[in-house]
Amino acid sequence: MTIRQKQLCGLLGGHKIEYTENEPMSSHTTFRIGGAASVFAVPDTEDKLRLAVEACRIAETPYIVLGRGSNVLFDDSGYKGAVISTEKLTEITVSGNDITCGCGASFTQIAVIARDNSLSGLEFAYGIPGAVGGAVFMNAGAYGGEVSQVLLESTYYGPNDGKIHTINNAEHNYGYRESIYRDHPERVILSARFRLESADKNEIKQKMDGYMESRKAKQPLEYPSAGSVFKRCQGHFTGQMIEELGLKGFTVGGAQVSEKHAGFIINRGGATSADVLKLIDIIKEKVRDGYGLDLQCEVIHIK
């Protein structure tokens, strides 16, 4: 243990924040890939999340905040710093047409709660495996819906000024898989508030069930993955391009272009981050040669 790591663990313990050392990140990501993080902290309140961030800054330790690990690829070499998990910050409350959620709440779960309260607007979130914080960060979306259409406001902690801020929808500067948080990754999302529309519960359920049937039919949900690997290219379906290039089923080590949906890379067993990265490079090269387009990754590589 380094002096800084020892200092960090002392600070976390002093704040009564649960933590482990040398935690395998393969256990905390949907890809099931990744080496050990030096420290893995699990605060159970927003205040402790803020304190965990400050502890890392005091100990001069690199850190990242992780939700449900659905859009990331941790390197085989691990992460020489602290991973702060939001997995216990899952409170969800309903007030009229508004749903307020902790940053670690399941995006799918809030869709279910919205349905149960006859609230429409989050049907598209049903089946998305990420947390609310990640969804707000990247303007997650599917089936024509996205966070920007229903988010009223979000609250974040700004380590640079030590204050908690609330910003409205317009201040998020939303675009396709883009937000103000991508421009300011130091900001730590604490919670989000969605404003929905009253609707018939059965109609909401039918729409959600239809989306789930489509996901099961078209996406490789039976294998570990990080979801869609690449951002869409304007005027093109990325998965279709990859399929037309004959890459469906193409394998590097334990990583494979899904035979069900070519926009997904799956872990067929024992895949490493090196396998995935090599496969991504091959796909990007083939698409560049075949279509003259440069694919942009949605999946974030953490090392």
C-alpha atoms as a PDB file:
ATOM      1  CA  MET A   1       0.000   0.000   0.000  1.00  0.00           C
ATOM      2  CA  THR A   2       1.321   3.424  -0.933  1.00  0.00           C
ATOM      3  CA  ILE A   3       1.426   6.309   1.537  1.00  0.00           C
ATOM      4  CA  ARG A   4      -1.376   8.087  -0.352  1.00  0.00           C
ATOM      5  CA  GLN A   5      -3.507   4.951  -0.472  1.00  0.00           C
ATOM      6  CA  LYS A   6      -3.018   4.473   3.255  1.00  0.00           C
ATOM      7  CA  GLN A   7      -4.024   8.091   3.836  1.00  0.00           C
ATOM      8  CA  LEU A   8      -7.112   7.666   1.649  1.00  0.00           C
ATOM      9  CA  CYS A   9      -8.227   4.529   3.467  1.00  0.00           C
ATOM     10  CA  GLY A  10      -7.768   6.325   6.784  1.00  0.00           C
ATOM     11  CA  LEU A  11      -9.954   9.204   5.607  1.00  0.00           C
ATOM     12  CA  LEU A  12     -12.644   6.872   4.266  1.00  0.00           C
ATOM     13  CA  GLY A  13     -12.660   4.890   7.493  1.00  0.00           C
ATOM     14  CA  GLY A  14     -12.867   8.098   9.508  1.00  0.00           C
ATOM     15  CA  HIS A  15     -15.995   9.067   7.568  1.00  0.00           C
ATOM     16  CA  LYS A  16     -17.447   5.572   8.089  1.00  0.00           C
ATOM     17  CA  ILE A  17     -17.455   4.956   4.341  1.00  0.00           C
ATOM     18  CA  GLU A  18     -17.342   1.285   3.388  1.00  0.00           C
ATOM     19  CA  TYR A  19     -14.366   0.370   1.204  1.00  0.00           C
ATOM     20  CA  THR A  20     -12.255  -2.543   0.005  1.00  0.00           C
ATOM     21  CA  GLU A  21      -8.777  -2.690  -1.454  1.00  0.00           C
ATOM     22  CA  ASN A  22      -7.678  -4.394  -4.676  1.00  0.00           C
ATOM     23  CA  GLU A  23     -11.275  -4.906  -5.769  1.00  0.00           C
ATOM     24  CA  PRO A  24     -11.697  -6.698  -9.152  1.00  0.00           C
ATOM     25  CA  MET A  25     -13.668  -4.443 -11.470  1.00  0.00           C
ATOM     26  CA  SER A  26     -14.835  -7.446 -13.457  1.00  0.00           C
ATOM     27  CA  SER A  27     -17.294  -7.920 -10.565  1.00  0.00           C
ATOM     28  CA  HIS A  28     -18.773  -4.443 -10.990  1.00  0.00           C
ATOM     29  CA  THR A  29     -19.236  -4.023 -14.740  1.00  0.00           C
ATOM     30  CA  THR A  30     -21.680  -5.503 -17.225  1.00  0.00           C
ATOM     31  CA  PHE A  31     -18.748  -6.522 -19.467  1.00  0.00           C
ATOM     32  CA  ARG A  32     -17.356  -8.680 -16.612  1.00  0.00           C
ATOM     33  CA  ILE A  33     -13.881  -7.477 -17.590  1.00  0.00           C
ATOM     34  CA  GLY A  34     -11.243  -5.526 -15.687  1.00  0.00           C
ATOM     35  CA  GLY A  35      -8.396  -5.750 -13.216  1.00  0.00           C
ATOM     36  CA  ALA A  36      -8.385  -4.517  -9.638  1.00  0.00           C
ATOM     37  CA  ALA A  37      -9.005  -0.982  -8.434  1.00  0.00           C
ATOM     38  CA  SER A  38      -6.628   0.056  -5.675  1.00  0.00           C
ATOM     39  CA  VAL A  39      -9.579   1.218  -3.531  1.00  0.00           C
ATOM     40  CA  PHE A  40     -13.293   0.629  -4.039  1.00  0.00           C
ATOM     41  CA  ALA A  41     -15.493   2.902  -1.910  1.00  0.00           C
ATOM     42  CA  VAL A  42     -19.241   2.514  -1.427  1.00  0.00           C
ATOM     43  CA  PRO A  43     -20.804   5.582   0.226  1.00  0.00           C
ATOM     44  CA  ASP A  44     -24.413   5.139   1.335  1.00  0.00           C
ATOM     45  CA  THR A  45     -25.477   8.794   1.440  1.00  0.00           C
ATOM     46  CA  GLU A  46     -24.983  11.814  -0.812  1.00  0.00           C
ATOM     47  CA  ASP A  47     -22.952  13.458   1.936  1.00  0.00           C
ATOM     48  CA  LYS A  48     -20.624  10.463   2.121  1.00  0.00           C
ATOM     49  CA  LEU A  49     -20.274  10.509  -1.665  1.00  0.00           C
ATOM     50  CA  ARG A  50     -19.087  14.100  -1.393  1.00  0.00           C
ATOM     51  CA  LEU A  51     -16.740  13.171   1.463  1.00  0.00           C
ATOM     52  CA  ALA A  52     -15.317  10.257  -0.541  1.00  0.00           C
ATOM     53  CA  VAL A  53     -14.503  12.618  -3.410  1.00  0.00           C
ATOM     54  CA  GLU A  54     -12.874  15.081  -1.014  1.00  0.00           C
ATOM     55  CA  ALA A  55     -10.868  12.263   0.601  1.00  0.00           C
ATOM     56  CA  CYS A  56      -9.448  11.344  -2.799  1.00  0.00           C
ATOM     57  CA  ARG A  57      -8.528  14.956  -3.460  1.00  0.00           C
ATOM     58  CA  ILE A  58      -6.857  15.358  -0.076  1.00  0.00           C
ATOM     59  CA  ALA A  59      -4.898  12.127  -0.581  1.00  0.00           C
ATOM     60  CA  GLU A  60      -4.050  13.216  -4.142  1.00  0.00           C
ATOM     61  CA  THR A  61      -5.472   9.958  -5.465  1.00  0.00           C
ATOM     62  CA  PRO A  62      -7.055   9.633  -8.931  1.00  0.00           C
ATOM     63  CA  TYR A  63     -10.704   8.640  -8.713  1.00  0.00           C
ATOM     64  CA  ILE A  64     -13.746   7.935 -10.807  1.00  0.00           C
ATOM     65  CA  VAL A  65     -17.414   7.696  -9.843  1.00  0.00           C
ATOM     66  CA  LEU A  66     -19.068   4.503 -11.104  1.00  0.00           C
ATOM     67  CA  GLY A  67     -22.751   3.697 -11.443  1.00  0.00           C
ATOM     68  CA  ARG A  68     -23.820   0.233 -12.574  1.00  0.00           C
ATOM     69  CA  GLY A  69     -20.791  -0.218 -14.850  1.00  0.00           C
ATOM     70  CA  SER A  70     -22.790  -0.616 -18.050  1.00  0.00           C
ATOM     71  CA  ASN A  71     -20.941   1.642 -20.465  1.00  0.00           C
ATOM     72  CA  VAL A  72     -17.332   1.139 -19.423  1.00  0.00           C
ATOM     73  CA  LEU A  73     -14.380  -1.123 -20.093  1.00  0.00           C
ATOM     74  CA  PHE A  74     -11.856  -1.371 -17.268  1.00  0.00           C
ATOM     75  CA  ASP A  75      -8.350  -2.239 -18.359  1.00  0.00           C
ATOM     76  CA  ASP A  76      -6.843  -5.631 -17.551  1.00  0.00           C
ATOM     77  CA  SER A  77      -4.124  -3.805 -15.605  1.00  0.00           C
ATOM     78  CA  GLY A  78      -6.732  -2.390 -13.236  1.00  0.00           C
ATOM     79  CA  TYR A  79      -7.152   1.150 -11.981  1.00  0.00           C
ATOM     80  CA  LYS A  80      -4.428   2.744  -9.873  1.00  0.00           C
ATOM     81  CA  GLY A  81      -6.765   4.910  -7.887  1.00  0.00           C
ATOM     82  CA  ALA A  82     -10.167   4.893  -6.216  1.00  0.00           C
ATOM     83  CA  VAL A  83     -13.448   3.820  -7.728  1.00  0.00           C
ATOM     84  CA  ILE A  84     -16.372   5.402  -5.876  1.00  0.00           C
ATOM     85  CA  SER A  85     -19.525   3.356  -6.400  1.00  0.00           C
ATOM     86  CA  THR A  86     -23.022   4.861  -6.267  1.00  0.00           C
ATOM     87  CA  GLU A  87     -24.685   1.436  -5.931  1.00  0.00           C
ATOM     88  CA  LYS A  88     -26.259   2.330  -2.559  1.00  0.00           C
ATOM     89  CA  LEU A  89     -27.615   5.736  -3.615  1.00  0.00           C
ATOM     90  CA  THR A  90     -30.851   4.357  -5.000  1.00  0.00           C
ATOM     91  CA  GLU A  91     -33.651   6.336  -3.354  1.00  0.00           C
ATOM     92  CA  ILE A  92     -36.638   7.027  -5.628  1.00  0.00           C
ATOM     93  CA  THR A  93     -39.563   9.274  -4.697  1.00  0.00           C
ATOM     94  CA  VAL A  94     -42.716  10.206  -6.590  1.00  0.00           C
ATOM     95  CA  SER A  95     -44.534  13.507  -6.162  1.00  0.00           C
ATOM     96  CA  GLY A  96     -47.347  14.239  -8.587  1.00  0.00           C
ATOM     97  CA  ASN A  97     -45.859  13.919 -12.079  1.00  0.00           C
ATOM     98  CA  ASP A  98     -42.268  14.184 -10.843  1.00  0.00           C
ATOM     99  CA  ILE A  99     -39.879  11.348 -10.001  1.00  0.00           C
ATOM    100  CA  THR A 100     -36.709  12.192  -8.095  1.00  0.00           C
ATOM    101  CA  CYS A 101     -33.918   9.601  -8.065  1.00  0.00           C
ATOM    102  CA  GLY A 102     -30.554   9.080  -6.453  1.00  0.00           C
ATOM    103  CA  CYS A 103     -27.657   8.866  -8.902  1.00  0.00           C
ATOM    104  CA  GLY A 104     -27.251   5.118  -8.339  1.00  0.00           C
ATOM    105  CA  ALA A 105     -30.896   4.212  -8.957  1.00  0.00           C
ATOM    106  CA  SER A 106     -31.548   1.714 -11.734  1.00  0.00           C
ATOM    107  CA  PHE A 107     -32.774   3.423 -14.900  1.00  0.00           C
ATOM    108  CA  THR A 108     -34.987   0.414 -15.577  1.00  0.00           C
ATOM    109  CA  GLN A 109     -36.410   0.554 -12.056  1.00  0.00           C
ATOM    110  CA  ILE A 110     -37.551   4.156 -12.395  1.00  0.00           C
ATOM    111  CA  ALA A 111     -39.342   3.208 -15.609  1.00  0.00           C
ATOM    112  CA  VAL A 112     -41.205   0.519 -13.648  1.00  0.00           C
ATOM    113  CA  ILE A 113     -42.089   2.937 -10.857  1.00  0.00           C
ATOM    114  CA  ALA A 114     -43.288   5.481 -13.424  1.00  0.00           C
ATOM    115  CA  ARG A 115     -45.520   2.822 -15.002  1.00  0.00           C
ATOM    116  CA  ASP A 116     -46.909   1.798 -11.610  1.00  0.00           C
ATOM    117  CA  ASN A 117     -47.821   5.432 -10.969  1.00  0.00           C
ATOM    118  CA  SER A 118     -49.427   5.859 -14.420  1.00  0.00           C
ATOM    119  CA  LEU A 119     -46.691   8.213 -15.570  1.00  0.00           C
ATOM    120  CA  SER A 120     -45.478   8.197 -19.171  1.00  0.00           C
ATOM    121  CA  GLY A 121     -42.196   9.358 -20.686  1.00  0.00           C
ATOM    122  CA  LEU A 122     -39.669   6.855 -19.368  1.00  0.00           C
ATOM    123  CA  GLU A 123     -40.873   3.798 -21.266  1.00  0.00           C
ATOM    124  CA  PHE A 124     -37.694   3.892 -23.370  1.00  0.00           C
ATOM    125  CA  ALA A 125     -35.603   3.403 -20.213  1.00  0.00           C
ATOM    126  CA  TYR A 126     -37.060  -0.041 -19.561  1.00  0.00           C
ATOM    127  CA  GLY A 127     -34.244  -2.519 -20.113  1.00  0.00           C
ATOM    128  CA  ILE A 128     -31.395   0.035 -20.137  1.00  0.00           C
ATOM    129  CA  PRO A 129     -28.966  -1.475 -17.597  1.00  0.00           C
ATOM    130  CA  GLY A 130     -27.306   1.722 -16.343  1.00  0.00           C
ATOM    131  CA  ALA A 131     -27.825   3.986 -13.353  1.00  0.00           C
ATOM    132  CA  VAL A 132     -29.555   7.366 -13.394  1.00  0.00           C
ATOM    133  CA  GLY A 133     -26.266   9.234 -13.003  1.00  0.00           C
ATOM    134  CA  GLY A 134     -24.793   7.637 -16.091  1.00  0.00           C
ATOM    135  CA  ALA A 135     -28.025   8.137 -18.031  1.00  0.00           C
ATOM    136  CA  VAL A 136     -28.050  11.864 -17.234  1.00  0.00           C
ATOM    137  CA  PHE A 137     -24.323  12.135 -17.997  1.00  0.00           C
ATOM    138  CA  MET A 138     -24.609  10.657 -21.497  1.00  0.00           C
ATOM    139  CA  ASN A 139     -28.201  11.560 -22.397  1.00  0.00           C
ATOM    140  CA  ALA A 140     -29.095   7.884 -22.628  1.00  0.00           C
ATOM    141  CA  GLY A 141     -31.858   6.927 -24.998  1.00  0.00           C
ATOM    142  CA  ALA A 142     -33.570   4.251 -27.051  1.00  0.00           C
ATOM    143  CA  TYR A 143     -36.608   3.783 -29.281  1.00  0.00           C
ATOM    144  CA  GLY A 144     -36.928   7.501 -29.989  1.00  0.00           C
ATOM    145  CA  GLY A 145     -36.798   8.580 -26.356  1.00  0.00           C
ATOM    146  CA  GLU A 146     -33.915  10.093 -24.402  1.00  0.00           C
ATOM    147  CA  VAL A 147     -33.170  11.693 -21.067  1.00  0.00           C
ATOM    148  CA  SER A 148     -33.255  15.232 -22.467  1.00  0.00           C
ATOM    149  CA  GLN A 149     -36.969  14.854 -23.246  1.00  0.00           C
ATOM    150  CA  VAL A 150     -38.018  14.198 -19.645  1.00  0.00           C
ATOM    151  CA  LEU A 151     -35.305  15.540 -17.325  1.00  0.00           C
ATOM    152  CA  LEU A 152     -36.426  18.557 -15.308  1.00  0.00           C
ATOM    153  CA  GLU A 153     -33.186  19.146 -13.403  1.00  0.00           C
ATOM    154  CA  SER A 154     -30.154  17.460 -11.899  1.00  0.00           C
ATOM    155  CA  THR A 155     -28.078  18.165  -8.822  1.00  0.00           C
ATOM    156  CA  TYR A 156     -24.317  17.785  -8.669  1.00  0.00           C
ATOM    157  CA  TYR A 157     -21.393  18.342  -6.353  1.00  0.00           C
ATOM    158  CA  GLY A 158     -18.660  20.606  -7.714  1.00  0.00           C
ATOM    159  CA  PRO A 159     -15.316  19.646  -6.170  1.00  0.00           C
ATOM    160  CA  ASN A 160     -13.688  22.805  -7.515  1.00  0.00           C
ATOM    161  CA  ASP A 161     -15.873  25.110  -5.413  1.00  0.00           C
ATOM    162  CA  GLY A 162     -17.050  22.613  -2.795  1.00  0.00           C
ATOM    163  CA  LYS A 163     -20.704  23.457  -3.455  1.00  0.00           C
ATOM    164  CA  ILE A 164     -23.851  21.601  -4.478  1.00  0.00           C
ATOM    165  CA  HIS A 165     -25.559  22.935  -7.607  1.00  0.00           C
ATOM    166  CA  THR A 166     -28.889  22.295  -9.323  1.00  0.00           C
ATOM    167  CA  ILE A 167     -29.186  22.916 -13.069  1.00  0.00           C
ATOM    168  CA  ASN A 168     -32.258  22.894 -15.277  1.00  0.00           C
ATOM    169  CA  ASN A 169     -32.760  20.951 -18.472  1.00  0.00           C
ATOM    170  CA  ALA A 170     -31.499  23.685 -20.795  1.00  0.00           C
ATOM    171  CA  GLU A 171     -28.288  24.057 -18.795  1.00  0.00           C
ATOM    172  CA  HIS A 172     -27.350  20.448 -19.605  1.00  0.00           C
ATOM    173  CA  ASN A 173     -26.534  21.438 -23.215  1.00  0.00           C
ATOM    174  CA  TYR A 174     -27.861  18.084 -24.376  1.00  0.00           C
ATOM    175  CA  GLY A 175     -26.983  16.547 -27.711  1.00  0.00           C
ATOM    176  CA  TYR A 176     -26.665  13.005 -29.016  1.00  0.00           C
ATOM    177  CA  ARG A 177     -24.898  11.187 -26.155  1.00  0.00           C
ATOM    178  CA  GLU A 178     -23.557  14.551 -25.024  1.00  0.00           C
ATOM    179  CA  SER A 179     -24.127  16.832 -22.038  1.00  0.00           C
ATOM    180  CA  ILE A 180     -22.485  19.545 -19.958  1.00  0.00           C
ATOM    181  CA  TYR A 181     -21.213  16.763 -17.699  1.00  0.00           C
ATOM    182  CA  ARG A 182     -19.046  15.364 -20.485  1.00  0.00           C
ATOM    183  CA  ASP A 183     -17.433  18.806 -20.727  1.00  0.00           C
ATOM    184  CA  HIS A 184     -17.027  18.935 -16.927  1.00  0.00           C
ATOM    185  CA  PRO A 185     -16.342  15.340 -15.806  1.00  0.00           C
ATOM    186  CA  GLU A 186     -15.193  16.577 -12.391  1.00  0.00           C
ATOM    187  CA  ARG A 187     -18.824  17.325 -11.512  1.00  0.00           C
ATOM    188  CA  VAL A 188     -20.380  14.500  -9.496  1.00  0.00           C
ATOM    189  CA  ILE A 189     -24.066  13.915 -10.250  1.00  0.00           C
ATOM    190  CA  LEU A 190     -26.015  13.373  -7.029  1.00  0.00           C
ATOM    191  CA  SER A 191     -29.625  13.113  -8.165  1.00  0.00           C
ATOM    192  CA  ALA A 192     -32.042  13.827 -10.981  1.00  0.00           C
ATOM    193  CA  ARG A 193     -35.662  14.888 -11.242  1.00  0.00           C
ATOM    194  CA  PHE A 194     -37.865  13.819 -14.138  1.00  0.00           C
ATOM    195  CA  ARG A 195     -41.210  15.362 -15.089  1.00  0.00           C
ATOM    196  CA  LEU A 196     -43.594  12.941 -16.761  1.00  0.00           C
ATOM    197  CA  GLU A 197     -47.138  12.909 -18.149  1.00  0.00           C
ATOM    198  CA  SER A 198     -50.153  11.157 -16.698  1.00  0.00           C
ATOM    199  CA  ALA A 199     -51.313   8.291 -18.913  1.00  0.00           C
ATOM    200  CA  ASP A 200     -53.112   4.964 -18.882  1.00  0.00           C
ATOM    201  CA  LYS A 201     -51.070   2.376 -16.991  1.00  0.00           C
ATOM    202  CA  ASN A 202     -51.985  -0.458 -19.377  1.00  0.00           C
ATOM    203  CA  GLU A 203     -50.901   1.557 -22.413  1.00  0.00           C
ATOM    204  CA  ILE A 204     -47.592   2.363 -20.715  1.00  0.00           C
ATOM    205  CA  LYS A 205     -47.121  -1.313 -19.877  1.00  0.00           C
ATOM    206  CA  GLN A 206     -47.850  -2.396 -23.449  1.00  0.00           C
ATOM    207  CA  LYS A 207     -45.253   0.016 -24.793  1.00  0.00           C
ATOM    208  CA  MET A 208     -42.649  -1.132 -22.255  1.00  0.00           C
ATOM    209  CA  ASP A 209     -43.342  -4.798 -22.928  1.00  0.00           C
ATOM    210  CA  GLY A 210     -42.987  -4.163 -26.653  1.00  0.00           C
ATOM    211  CA  TYR A 211     -39.602  -2.504 -26.146  1.00  0.00           C
ATOM    212  CA  MET A 212     -38.419  -5.394 -23.978  1.00  0.00           C
ATOM    213  CA  GLU A 213     -39.517  -7.978 -26.538  1.00  0.00           C
ATOM    214  CA  SER A 214     -37.592  -6.049 -29.175  1.00  0.00           C
ATOM    215  CA  ARG A 215     -34.480  -5.929 -26.967  1.00  0.00           C
ATOM    216  CA  LYS A 216     -34.615  -9.668 -26.338  1.00  0.00           C
ATOM    217  CA  ALA A 217     -35.085 -10.407 -30.031  1.00  0.00           C
ATOM    218  CA  LYS A 218     -32.384  -8.077 -31.338  1.00  0.00           C
ATOM    219  CA  GLN A 219     -29.784  -7.678 -28.573  1.00  0.00           C
ATOM    220  CA  PRO A 220     -27.415 -10.279 -27.073  1.00  0.00           C
ATOM    221  CA  LEU A 221     -28.749  -9.942 -23.530  1.00  0.00           C
ATOM    222  CA  GLU A 222     -27.601 -13.469 -22.706  1.00  0.00           C
ATOM    223  CA  TYR A 223     -23.917 -12.412 -22.813  1.00  0.00           C
ATOM    224  CA  PRO A 224     -21.924  -9.833 -20.842  1.00  0.00           C
ATOM    225  CA  SER A 225     -21.449  -6.638 -22.865  1.00  0.00           C
ATOM    226  CA  ALA A 226     -21.256  -2.881 -22.438  1.00  0.00           C
ATOM    227  CA  GLY A 227     -24.229  -2.237 -24.691  1.00  0.00           C
ATOM    228  CA  SER A 228     -23.895  -0.555 -28.062  1.00  0.00           C
ATOM    229  CA  VAL A 229     -20.167   0.019 -28.649  1.00  0.00           C
ATOM    230  CA  PHE A 230     -20.266   2.872 -31.148  1.00  0.00           C
ATOM    231  CA  LYS A 231     -22.215   6.065 -31.569  1.00  0.00           C
ATOM    232  CA  ARG A 232     -24.452   6.114 -34.604  1.00  0.00           C
ATOM    233  CA  CYS A 233     -23.182   7.801 -37.741  1.00  0.00           C
ATOM    234  CA  GLN A 234     -25.557  10.296 -39.319  1.00  0.00           C
ATOM    235  CA  GLY A 235     -27.369   8.648 -42.212  1.00  0.00           C
ATOM    236  CA  HIS A 236     -26.054   5.173 -41.377  1.00  0.00           C
ATOM    237  CA  PHE A 237     -26.922   2.297 -39.065  1.00  0.00           C
ATOM    238  CA  THR A 238     -23.628   1.353 -37.441  1.00  0.00           C
ATOM    239  CA  GLY A 239     -24.564  -2.257 -36.751  1.00  0.00           C
ATOM    240  CA  GLN A 240     -25.725  -2.689 -40.345  1.00  0.00           C
ATOM    241  CA  MET A 241     -22.418  -1.367 -41.698  1.00  0.00           C
ATOM    242  CA  ILE A 242     -20.457  -3.765 -39.496  1.00  0.00           C
ATOM    243  CA  GLU A 243     -22.653  -6.645 -40.621  1.00  0.00           C
ATOM    244  CA  GLU A 244     -22.301  -5.730 -44.298  1.00  0.00           C
ATOM    245  CA  LEU A 245     -18.527  -5.857 -43.862  1.00  0.00           C
ATOM    246  CA  GLY A 246     -18.836  -9.495 -42.818  1.00  0.00           C
ATOM    247  CA  LEU A 247     -17.791  -8.926 -39.224  1.00  0.00           C
ATOM    248  CA  LYS A 248     -20.767 -10.510 -37.488  1.00  0.00           C
ATOM    249  CA  GLY A 249     -19.339 -13.252 -35.281  1.00  0.00           C
ATOM    250  CA  PHE A 250     -15.746 -12.039 -35.777  1.00  0.00           C
ATOM    251  CA  THR A 251     -13.733 -12.972 -32.705  1.00  0.00           C
ATOM    252  CA  VAL A 252     -10.579 -11.809 -30.955  1.00  0.00           C
ATOM    253  CA  GLY A 253      -9.784 -13.983 -27.967  1.00  0.00           C
ATOM    254  CA  GLY A 254     -12.912 -14.101 -25.817  1.00  0.00           C
ATOM    255  CA  ALA A 255     -14.445 -10.996 -27.410  1.00  0.00           C
ATOM    256  CA  GLN A 256     -16.842 -11.323 -30.319  1.00  0.00           C
ATOM    257  CA  VAL A 257     -18.962  -9.122 -32.565  1.00  0.00           C
ATOM    258  CA  SER A 258     -22.425 -10.329 -31.605  1.00  0.00           C
ATOM    259  CA  GLU A 259     -24.077 -12.650 -34.100  1.00  0.00           C
ATOM    260  CA  LYS A 260     -27.427 -11.200 -33.047  1.00  0.00           C
ATOM    261  CA  HIS A 261     -26.567  -7.488 -33.334  1.00  0.00           C
ATOM    262  CA  ALA A 262     -23.292  -6.377 -34.900  1.00  0.00           C
ATOM    263  CA  GLY A 263     -23.306  -3.126 -32.935  1.00  0.00           C
ATOM    264  CA  PHE A 264     -22.513  -5.091 -29.775  1.00  0.00           C
ATOM    265  CA  ILE A 265     -19.259  -6.700 -28.673  1.00  0.00           C
ATOM    266  CA  ILE A 266     -19.865  -9.539 -26.232  1.00  0.00           C
ATOM    267  CA  ASN A 267     -17.721 -11.396 -23.731  1.00  0.00           C
ATOM    268  CA  ARG A 268     -18.128 -15.017 -24.726  1.00  0.00           C
ATOM    269  CA  GLY A 269     -15.992 -16.082 -21.784  1.00  0.00           C
ATOM    270  CA  GLY A 270     -12.590 -15.010 -20.570  1.00  0.00           C
ATOM    271  CA  ALA A 271     -12.423 -11.882 -22.730  1.00  0.00           C
ATOM    272  CA  THR A 272      -9.810  -9.322 -21.740  1.00  0.00           C
ATOM    273  CA  SER A 273      -9.813  -5.589 -22.289  1.00  0.00           C
ATOM    274  CA  ALA A 274      -6.989  -6.149 -24.788  1.00  0.00           C
ATOM    275  CA  ASP A 275      -9.279  -8.486 -26.777  1.00  0.00           C
ATOM    276  CA  VAL A 276     -12.057  -5.903 -26.846  1.00  0.00           C
ATOM    277  CA  LEU A 277      -9.775  -3.003 -27.762  1.00  0.00           C
ATOM    278  CA  LYS A 278      -8.186  -4.958 -30.598  1.00  0.00           C
ATOM    279  CA  LEU A 279     -11.612  -5.900 -31.927  1.00  0.00           C
ATOM    280  CA  ILE A 280     -12.740  -2.261 -31.745  1.00  0.00           C
ATOM    281  CA  ASP A 281      -9.666  -1.197 -33.728  1.00  0.00           C
ATOM    282  CA  ILE A 282     -10.362  -3.821 -36.399  1.00  0.00           C
ATOM    283  CA  ILE A 283     -13.987  -2.702 -36.745  1.00  0.00           C
ATOM    284  CA  LYS A 284     -13.026   0.966 -36.966  1.00  0.00           C
ATOM    285  CA  GLU A 285     -10.399   0.234 -39.620  1.00  0.00           C
ATOM    286  CA  LYS A 286     -12.804  -1.856 -41.699  1.00  0.00           C
ATOM    287  CA  VAL A 287     -15.542   0.795 -41.523  1.00  0.00           C
ATOM    288  CA  ARG A 288     -13.061   3.530 -42.409  1.00  0.00           C
ATOM    289  CA  ASP A 289     -11.840   1.562 -45.417  1.00  0.00           C
ATOM    290  CA  GLY A 290     -15.292   0.439 -46.516  1.00  0.00           C
ATOM    291  CA  TYR A 291     -17.375   3.552 -45.869  1.00  0.00           C
ATOM    292  CA  GLY A 292     -14.915   6.383 -45.289  1.00  0.00           C
ATOM    293  CA  LEU A 293     -16.373   6.958 -41.828  1.00  0.00           C
ATOM    294  CA  ASP A 294     -14.663   7.242 -38.456  1.00  0.00           C
ATOM    295  CA  LEU A 295     -16.628   5.449 -35.748  1.00  0.00           C
ATOM    296  CA  GLN A 296     -16.737   7.019 -32.308  1.00  0.00           C
ATOM    297  CA  CYS A 297     -16.884   4.766 -29.235  1.00  0.00           C
ATOM    298  CA  GLU A 298     -19.660   5.067 -26.699  1.00  0.00           C
ATOM    299  CA  VAL A 299     -17.865   2.681 -24.347  1.00  0.00           C
ATOM    300  CA  ILE A 300     -15.381   4.435 -22.036  1.00  0.00           C
ATOM    301  CA  HIS A 301     -12.005   2.712 -21.559  1.00  0.00           C
ATOM    302  CA  ILE A 302     -10.734   3.212 -18.000  1.00  0.00           C
ATOM    303  CA  LYS A 303      -7.111   2.510 -17.125  1.00  0.00           C
END
